[in-house]
C-alpha atoms as a PDB file:
ATOM      1  CA  MET A   1       0.000   0.000   0.000  1.00  0.00           C
ATOM      2  CA  ASN A   2       1.445   3.353  -1.009  1.00  0.00           C
ATOM      3  CA  THR A   3      -0.947   5.666   0.794  1.00  0.00           C
ATOM      4  CA  ASN A   4      -0.450   6.601   4.420  1.00  0.00           C
ATOM      5  CA  PRO A   5      -3.960   6.519   5.939  1.00  0.00           C
ATOM      6  CA  GLY A   6      -2.938   8.615   8.930  1.00  0.00           C
ATOM      7  CA  LEU A   7      -5.221   8.185  11.936  1.00  0.00           C
ATOM      8  CA  CYS A   8      -7.509   5.741  10.116  1.00  0.00           C
ATOM      9  CA  GLU A   9      -4.911   2.999  10.417  1.00  0.00           C
ATOM     10  CA  THR A  10      -5.332   2.884  14.213  1.00  0.00           C
ATOM     11  CA  CYS A  11      -8.997   3.917  14.580  1.00  0.00           C
ATOM     12  CA  VAL A  12     -11.694   1.540  15.860  1.00  0.00           C
ATOM     13  CA  PHE A  13     -14.163   2.937  13.307  1.00  0.00           C
ATOM     14  CA  CYS A  14     -11.991   2.134  10.290  1.00  0.00           C
ATOM     15  CA  ARG A  15     -12.512  -0.959   8.157  1.00  0.00           C
ATOM     16  CA  LEU A  16     -10.250  -1.901   5.265  1.00  0.00           C
ATOM     17  CA  ILE A  17     -12.140  -2.665   2.053  1.00  0.00           C
ATOM     18  CA  ARG A  18     -10.429  -4.491  -0.825  1.00  0.00           C
ATOM     19  CA  SER A  19     -12.065  -4.437  -4.237  1.00  0.00           C
ATOM     20  CA  ASP A  20     -12.044  -7.305  -6.715  1.00  0.00           C
ATOM     21  CA  ARG A  21      -9.589  -5.266  -8.778  1.00  0.00           C
ATOM     22  CA  GLY A  22      -7.090  -4.981  -5.929  1.00  0.00           C
ATOM     23  CA  SER A  23      -7.861  -1.412  -4.821  1.00  0.00           C
ATOM     24  CA  VAL A  24      -7.872  -0.677  -1.088  1.00  0.00           C
ATOM     25  CA  PHE A  25     -10.268   1.741   0.597  1.00  0.00           C
ATOM     26  CA  TYR A  26     -10.573   2.914   4.187  1.00  0.00           C
ATOM     27  CA  LEU A  27     -14.240   2.868   5.237  1.00  0.00           C
ATOM     28  CA  CYS A  28     -15.217   5.057   8.184  1.00  0.00           C
ATOM     29  CA  GLU A  29     -17.967   3.197  10.066  1.00  0.00           C
ATOM     30  CA  LYS A  30     -18.597   6.366  12.105  1.00  0.00           C
ATOM     31  CA  SER A  31     -20.248   7.696   8.918  1.00  0.00           C
ATOM     32  CA  PHE A  32     -23.130   5.219   9.407  1.00  0.00           C
ATOM     33  CA  SER A  33     -24.318   7.025  12.551  1.00  0.00           C
ATOM     34  CA  ASP A  34     -23.068  10.578  11.897  1.00  0.00           C
ATOM     35  CA  ALA A  35     -23.275  12.290   8.493  1.00  0.00           C
ATOM     36  CA  LYS A  36     -20.427  14.680   9.428  1.00  0.00           C
ATOM     37  CA  PHE A  37     -17.966  11.868   8.765  1.00  0.00           C
ATOM     38  CA  PRO A  38     -17.251  10.892   5.147  1.00  0.00           C
ATOM     39  CA  LYS A  39     -17.760   7.235   4.273  1.00  0.00           C
ATOM     40  CA  TYR A  40     -14.379   7.146   2.500  1.00  0.00           C
ATOM     41  CA  PRO A  41     -12.228  10.008   3.884  1.00  0.00           C
ATOM     42  CA  ARG A  42      -9.410  11.647   1.945  1.00  0.00           C
ATOM     43  CA  LEU A  43      -6.118  10.238   3.061  1.00  0.00           C
ATOM     44  CA  PRO A  44      -4.066  10.853   5.050  1.00  0.00           C
ATOM     45  CA  VAL A  45      -6.436  11.812   7.886  1.00  0.00           C
ATOM     46  CA  LEU A  46      -4.353  13.931  10.252  1.00  0.00           C
ATOM     47  CA  GLU A  47      -7.099  14.988  12.651  1.00  0.00           C
ATOM     48  CA  CYS A  48     -10.581  13.640  13.270  1.00  0.00           C
ATOM     49  CA  ALA A  49     -13.174  14.506  15.920  1.00  0.00           C
ATOM     50  CA  GLY A  50     -14.437  10.908  15.918  1.00  0.00           C
ATOM     51  CA  TYR A  51     -11.069   9.196  16.274  1.00  0.00           C
ATOM     52  CA  VAL A  52     -10.872   6.440  18.903  1.00  0.00           C
ATOM     53  CA  LYS A  53      -7.603   4.509  19.088  1.00  0.00           C
ATOM     54  CA  LYS A  54      -7.773   0.712  18.843  1.00  0.00           C
ATOM     55  CA  SER A  55      -6.650  -1.020  21.997  1.00  0.00           C
END
């Protein structure tokens, strides 16, 4: 993967999506409950009000 996802890489709300063609997308599951968060944020995400670090 060439792109640095920033905070998404360590966020509990992030899910990695791989397409049939080999593309990788970072899905923000916070977007399901709050429209302020984009479903597929522009990377790298350097700050995010919804960020919660994975334990």
